[in-house]
Amino acid sequence: MTNENHGQPSSTQRGNTPHLRRFLSTFFRTALDEYREAGCPFGKHVDAMLIWFEYNQKTTDN
């Protein structure tokens, strides 16, 4: 599918590539491993890991 105005792939098509899915999956697994190594300072949920990222991964379990 292309954008009729510019001849470019749609944003949905660009974001749905096997390479991008593999990259995001690998990134997520690595981030989750690092969060667990830090002691899950904000809890064991994905949302908690995202908060940890907002603090630049400087907070560890107290």
PDB file of N, CA and C in Angstrom:
ATOM      1  N   MET A   1       0.845  -1.171   0.000  1.00  0.00           N
ATOM      2  CA  MET A   1       0.000   0.000   0.000  1.00  0.00           C
ATOM      3  C   MET A   1       0.889   1.232   0.000  1.00  0.00           C
ATOM      4  N   THR A   2       0.611   2.179  -0.853  1.00  0.00           N
ATOM      5  CA  THR A   2       1.389   3.406  -0.898  1.00  0.00           C
ATOM      6  C   THR A   2       0.488   4.592  -0.632  1.00  0.00           C
ATOM      7  N   ASN A   3       1.093   5.658  -0.187  1.00  0.00           N
ATOM      8  CA  ASN A   3       0.387   6.901   0.028  1.00  0.00           C
ATOM      9  C   ASN A   3       0.181   7.553  -1.328  1.00  0.00           C
ATOM     10  N   GLU A   4      -1.042   7.834  -1.691  1.00  0.00           N
ATOM     11  CA  GLU A   4      -1.339   8.380  -3.014  1.00  0.00           C
ATOM     12  C   GLU A   4      -0.683   9.731  -3.231  1.00  0.00           C
ATOM     13  N   ASN A   5      -0.448  10.491  -2.199  1.00  0.00           N
ATOM     14  CA  ASN A   5       0.113  11.833  -2.342  1.00  0.00           C
ATOM     15  C   ASN A   5       1.615  11.827  -2.580  1.00  0.00           C
ATOM     16  N   HIS A   6       2.326  10.891  -1.994  1.00  0.00           N
ATOM     17  CA  HIS A   6       3.779  10.947  -2.046  1.00  0.00           C
ATOM     18  C   HIS A   6       4.432   9.679  -2.586  1.00  0.00           C
ATOM     19  N   GLY A   7       3.691   8.646  -2.843  1.00  0.00           N
ATOM     20  CA  GLY A   7       4.277   7.411  -3.336  1.00  0.00           C
ATOM     21  C   GLY A   7       5.090   6.660  -2.299  1.00  0.00           C
ATOM     22  N   GLN A   8       4.918   6.984  -1.019  1.00  0.00           N
ATOM     23  CA  GLN A   8       5.650   6.339   0.067  1.00  0.00           C
ATOM     24  C   GLN A   8       4.777   5.269   0.707  1.00  0.00           C
ATOM     25  N   PRO A   9       5.396   4.232   1.284  1.00  0.00           N
ATOM     26  CA  PRO A   9       4.608   3.244   2.029  1.00  0.00           C
ATOM     27  C   PRO A   9       3.889   3.917   3.186  1.00  0.00           C
ATOM     28  N   SER A  10       2.725   3.411   3.539  1.00  0.00           N
ATOM     29  CA  SER A  10       1.988   3.977   4.667  1.00  0.00           C
ATOM     30  C   SER A  10       2.762   3.737   5.955  1.00  0.00           C
ATOM     31  N   SER A  11       2.480   4.548   6.970  1.00  0.00           N
ATOM     32  CA  SER A  11       3.180   4.391   8.246  1.00  0.00           C
ATOM     33  C   SER A  11       2.879   3.028   8.862  1.00  0.00           C
ATOM     34  N   THR A  12       1.682   2.507   8.644  1.00  0.00           N
ATOM     35  CA  THR A  12       1.334   1.183   9.162  1.00  0.00           C
ATOM     36  C   THR A  12       2.192   0.118   8.500  1.00  0.00           C
ATOM     37  N   GLN A  13       2.377   0.219   7.222  1.00  0.00           N
ATOM     38  CA  GLN A  13       3.185  -0.763   6.499  1.00  0.00           C
ATOM     39  C   GLN A  13       4.644  -0.691   6.930  1.00  0.00           C
ATOM     40  N   ARG A  14       5.189   0.508   7.116  1.00  0.00           N
ATOM     41  CA  ARG A  14       6.594   0.647   7.523  1.00  0.00           C
ATOM     42  C   ARG A  14       6.821   0.055   8.905  1.00  0.00           C
ATOM     43  N   GLY A  15       5.849   0.208   9.805  1.00  0.00           N
ATOM     44  CA  GLY A  15       6.004  -0.281  11.167  1.00  0.00           C
ATOM     45  C   GLY A  15       5.719  -1.756  11.325  1.00  0.00           C
ATOM     46  N   ASN A  16       5.311  -2.409  10.281  1.00  0.00           N
ATOM     47  CA  ASN A  16       4.920  -3.808  10.385  1.00  0.00           C
ATOM     48  C   ASN A  16       5.863  -4.693   9.578  1.00  0.00           C
ATOM     49  N   THR A  17       7.150  -4.470   9.735  1.00  0.00           N
ATOM     50  CA  THR A  17       8.122  -5.279   9.019  1.00  0.00           C
ATOM     51  C   THR A  17       8.711  -6.331   9.954  1.00  0.00           C
ATOM     52  N   PRO A  18       9.119  -7.465   9.426  1.00  0.00           N
ATOM     53  CA  PRO A  18       9.735  -8.490  10.282  1.00  0.00           C
ATOM     54  C   PRO A  18      10.976  -7.968  11.007  1.00  0.00           C
ATOM     55  N   HIS A  19      11.760  -7.130  10.327  1.00  0.00           N
ATOM     56  CA  HIS A  19      12.975  -6.597  10.943  1.00  0.00           C
ATOM     57  C   HIS A  19      12.632  -5.736  12.159  1.00  0.00           C
ATOM     58  N   LEU A  20      11.636  -4.869  12.020  1.00  0.00           N
ATOM     59  CA  LEU A  20      11.256  -4.009  13.133  1.00  0.00           C
ATOM     60  C   LEU A  20      10.683  -4.822  14.292  1.00  0.00           C
ATOM     61  N   ARG A  21       9.845  -5.793  13.991  1.00  0.00           N
ATOM     62  CA  ARG A  21       9.282  -6.639  15.060  1.00  0.00           C
ATOM     63  C   ARG A  21      10.390  -7.387  15.796  1.00  0.00           C
ATOM     64  N   ARG A  22      11.371  -7.914  15.076  1.00  0.00           N
ATOM     65  CA  ARG A  22      12.485  -8.628  15.696  1.00  0.00           C
ATOM     66  C   ARG A  22      13.310  -7.679  16.573  1.00  0.00           C
ATOM     67  N   PHE A  23      13.568  -6.472  16.060  1.00  0.00           N
ATOM     68  CA  PHE A  23      14.327  -5.483  16.826  1.00  0.00           C
ATOM     69  C   PHE A  23      13.616  -5.130  18.124  1.00  0.00           C
ATOM     70  N   LEU A  24      12.320  -4.831  18.034  1.00  0.00           N
ATOM     71  CA  LEU A  24      11.561  -4.456  19.224  1.00  0.00           C
ATOM     72  C   LEU A  24      11.466  -5.597  20.227  1.00  0.00           C
ATOM     73  N   SER A  25      11.300  -6.809  19.740  1.00  0.00           N
ATOM     74  CA  SER A  25      11.225  -7.967  20.620  1.00  0.00           C
ATOM     75  C   SER A  25      12.541  -8.166  21.375  1.00  0.00           C
ATOM     76  N   THR A  26      13.647  -8.044  20.667  1.00  0.00           N
ATOM     77  CA  THR A  26      14.964  -8.193  21.297  1.00  0.00           C
ATOM     78  C   THR A  26      15.200  -7.083  22.310  1.00  0.00           C
ATOM     79  N   PHE A  27      14.856  -5.857  21.936  1.00  0.00           N
ATOM     80  CA  PHE A  27      15.031  -4.725  22.839  1.00  0.00           C
ATOM     81  C   PHE A  27      14.212  -4.924  24.124  1.00  0.00           C
ATOM     82  N   PHE A  28      12.970  -5.344  23.962  1.00  0.00           N
ATOM     83  CA  PHE A  28      12.106  -5.531  25.121  1.00  0.00           C
ATOM     84  C   PHE A  28      12.649  -6.603  26.064  1.00  0.00           C
ATOM     85  N   ARG A  29      13.093  -7.718  25.494  1.00  0.00           N
ATOM     86  CA  ARG A  29      13.641  -8.788  26.339  1.00  0.00           C
ATOM     87  C   ARG A  29      14.890  -8.323  27.084  1.00  0.00           C
ATOM     88  N   THR A  30      15.763  -7.579  26.408  1.00  0.00           N
ATOM     89  CA  THR A  30      16.976  -7.066  27.043  1.00  0.00           C
ATOM     90  C   THR A  30      16.622  -6.086  28.159  1.00  0.00           C
ATOM     91  N   ALA A  31      15.686  -5.186  27.869  1.00  0.00           N
ATOM     92  CA  ALA A  31      15.275  -4.205  28.875  1.00  0.00           C
ATOM     93  C   ALA A  31      14.665  -4.897  30.091  1.00  0.00           C
ATOM     94  N   LEU A  32      13.843  -5.892  29.863  1.00  0.00           N
ATOM     95  CA  LEU A  32      13.226  -6.610  30.976  1.00  0.00           C
ATOM     96  C   LEU A  32      14.275  -7.346  31.801  1.00  0.00           C
ATOM     97  N   ASP A  33      15.263  -7.947  31.166  1.00  0.00           N
ATOM     98  CA  ASP A  33      16.353  -8.602  31.891  1.00  0.00           C
ATOM     99  C   ASP A  33      17.103  -7.599  32.764  1.00  0.00           C
ATOM    100  N   GLU A  34      17.406  -6.428  32.219  1.00  0.00           N
ATOM    101  CA  GLU A  34      18.129  -5.407  32.984  1.00  0.00           C
ATOM    102  C   GLU A  34      17.295  -4.898  34.154  1.00  0.00           C
ATOM    103  N   TYR A  35      15.995  -4.766  33.925  1.00  0.00           N
ATOM    104  CA  TYR A  35      15.114  -4.326  35.004  1.00  0.00           C
ATOM    105  C   TYR A  35      15.087  -5.356  36.128  1.00  0.00           C
ATOM    106  N   ARG A  36      15.026  -6.608  35.776  1.00  0.00           N
ATOM    107  CA  ARG A  36      15.049  -7.665  36.800  1.00  0.00           C
ATOM    108  C   ARG A  36      16.371  -7.672  37.557  1.00  0.00           C
ATOM    109  N   GLU A  37      17.483  -7.457  36.845  1.00  0.00           N
ATOM    110  CA  GLU A  37      18.795  -7.404  37.498  1.00  0.00           C
ATOM    111  C   GLU A  37      18.878  -6.241  38.488  1.00  0.00           C
ATOM    112  N   ALA A  38      18.136  -5.159  38.210  1.00  0.00           N
ATOM    113  CA  ALA A  38      18.110  -4.003  39.113  1.00  0.00           C
ATOM    114  C   ALA A  38      17.221  -4.265  40.318  1.00  0.00           C
ATOM    115  N   GLY A  39      16.541  -5.399  40.347  1.00  0.00           N
ATOM    116  CA  GLY A  39      15.702  -5.749  41.494  1.00  0.00           C
ATOM    117  C   GLY A  39      14.243  -5.334  41.350  1.00  0.00           C
ATOM    118  N   CYS A  40      13.794  -5.031  40.145  1.00  0.00           N
ATOM    119  CA  CYS A  40      12.404  -4.601  39.890  1.00  0.00           C
ATOM    120  C   CYS A  40      11.974  -3.529  40.886  1.00  0.00           C
ATOM    121  N   PRO A  41      12.691  -2.395  40.936  1.00  0.00           N
ATOM    122  CA  PRO A  41      12.442  -1.394  41.968  1.00  0.00           C
ATOM    123  C   PRO A  41      11.050  -0.773  41.964  1.00  0.00           C
ATOM    124  N   PHE A  42      10.335  -0.835  40.864  1.00  0.00           N
ATOM    125  CA  PHE A  42       8.994  -0.250  40.801  1.00  0.00           C
ATOM    126  C   PHE A  42       7.912  -1.316  40.687  1.00  0.00           C
ATOM    127  N   GLY A  43       8.261  -2.549  40.911  1.00  0.00           N
ATOM    128  CA  GLY A  43       7.293  -3.632  40.819  1.00  0.00           C
ATOM    129  C   GLY A  43       7.586  -4.537  39.633  1.00  0.00           C
ATOM    130  N   LYS A  44       6.836  -5.617  39.514  1.00  0.00           N
ATOM    131  CA  LYS A  44       7.129  -6.636  38.512  1.00  0.00           C
ATOM    132  C   LYS A  44       6.284  -6.523  37.250  1.00  0.00           C
ATOM    133  N   HIS A  45       5.692  -5.382  37.000  1.00  0.00           N
ATOM    134  CA  HIS A  45       4.844  -5.207  35.829  1.00  0.00           C
ATOM    135  C   HIS A  45       5.574  -4.414  34.751  1.00  0.00           C
ATOM    136  N   VAL A  46       5.140  -4.549  33.520  1.00  0.00           N
ATOM    137  CA  VAL A  46       5.762  -3.836  32.401  1.00  0.00           C
ATOM    138  C   VAL A  46       5.660  -2.325  32.608  1.00  0.00           C
ATOM    139  N   ASP A  47       4.524  -1.848  33.092  1.00  0.00           N
ATOM    140  CA  ASP A  47       4.378  -0.414  33.337  1.00  0.00           C
ATOM    141  C   ASP A  47       5.414   0.076  34.342  1.00  0.00           C
ATOM    142  N   ALA A  48       5.730  -0.743  35.316  1.00  0.00           N
ATOM    143  CA  ALA A  48       6.740  -0.387  36.300  1.00  0.00           C
ATOM    144  C   ALA A  48       8.114  -0.265  35.652  1.00  0.00           C
ATOM    145  N   MET A  49       8.412  -1.163  34.707  1.00  0.00           N
ATOM    146  CA  MET A  49       9.686  -1.095  33.997  1.00  0.00           C
ATOM    147  C   MET A  49       9.772   0.209  33.196  1.00  0.00           C
ATOM    148  N   LEU A  50       8.664   0.632  32.616  1.00  0.00           N
ATOM    149  CA  LEU A  50       8.670   1.873  31.842  1.00  0.00           C
ATOM    150  C   LEU A  50       8.952   3.078  32.739  1.00  0.00           C
ATOM    151  N   ILE A  51       8.431   3.054  33.970  1.00  0.00           N
ATOM    152  CA  ILE A  51       8.740   4.126  34.917  1.00  0.00           C
ATOM    153  C   ILE A  51      10.235   4.125  35.217  1.00  0.00           C
ATOM    154  N   TRP A  52      10.802   2.950  35.384  1.00  0.00           N
ATOM    155  CA  TRP A  52      12.229   2.822  35.640  1.00  0.00           C
ATOM    156  C   TRP A  52      13.023   3.460  34.505  1.00  0.00           C
ATOM    157  N   PHE A  53      12.596   3.240  33.285  1.00  0.00           N
ATOM    158  CA  PHE A  53      13.267   3.846  32.142  1.00  0.00           C
ATOM    159  C   PHE A  53      13.180   5.371  32.207  1.00  0.00           C
ATOM    160  N   GLU A  54      12.068   5.894  32.676  1.00  0.00           N
ATOM    161  CA  GLU A  54      11.932   7.347  32.791  1.00  0.00           C
ATOM    162  C   GLU A  54      12.944   7.917  33.775  1.00  0.00           C
ATOM    163  N   TYR A  55      13.365   7.119  34.737  1.00  0.00           N
ATOM    164  CA  TYR A  55      14.389   7.539  35.692  1.00  0.00           C
ATOM    165  C   TYR A  55      15.798   7.188  35.207  1.00  0.00           C
ATOM    166  N   ASN A  56      15.944   6.880  33.936  1.00  0.00           N
ATOM    167  CA  ASN A  56      17.242   6.582  33.322  1.00  0.00           C
ATOM    168  C   ASN A  56      17.945   5.390  33.938  1.00  0.00           C
ATOM    169  N   GLN A  57      17.195   4.416  34.397  1.00  0.00           N
ATOM    170  CA  GLN A  57      17.702   3.166  34.949  1.00  0.00           C
ATOM    171  C   GLN A  57      18.670   3.395  36.118  1.00  0.00           C
ATOM    172  N   LYS A  58      18.515   4.496  36.845  1.00  0.00           N
ATOM    173  CA  LYS A  58      19.441   4.779  37.944  1.00  0.00           C
ATOM    174  C   LYS A  58      18.892   4.321  39.283  1.00  0.00           C
ATOM    175  N   THR A  59      17.663   3.913  39.329  1.00  0.00           N
ATOM    176  CA  THR A  59      17.046   3.475  40.586  1.00  0.00           C
ATOM    177  C   THR A  59      17.139   1.975  40.696  1.00  0.00           C
ATOM    178  N   THR A  60      17.590   1.476  41.822  1.00  0.00           N
ATOM    179  CA  THR A  60      17.644   0.044  42.066  1.00  0.00           C
ATOM    180  C   THR A  60      16.814  -0.275  43.302  1.00  0.00           C
ATOM    181  N   ASP A  61      16.612  -1.552  43.538  1.00  0.00           N
ATOM    182  CA  ASP A  61      15.812  -1.999  44.662  1.00  0.00           C
ATOM    183  C   ASP A  61      16.397  -1.460  45.964  1.00  0.00           C
ATOM    184  N   ASN A  62      15.534  -0.928  46.808  1.00  0.00           N
ATOM    185  CA  ASN A  62      15.992  -0.366  48.089  1.00  0.00           C
ATOM    186  C   ASN A  62      15.854  -1.377  49.197  1.00  0.00           C
TER     187      ASN A  62
END
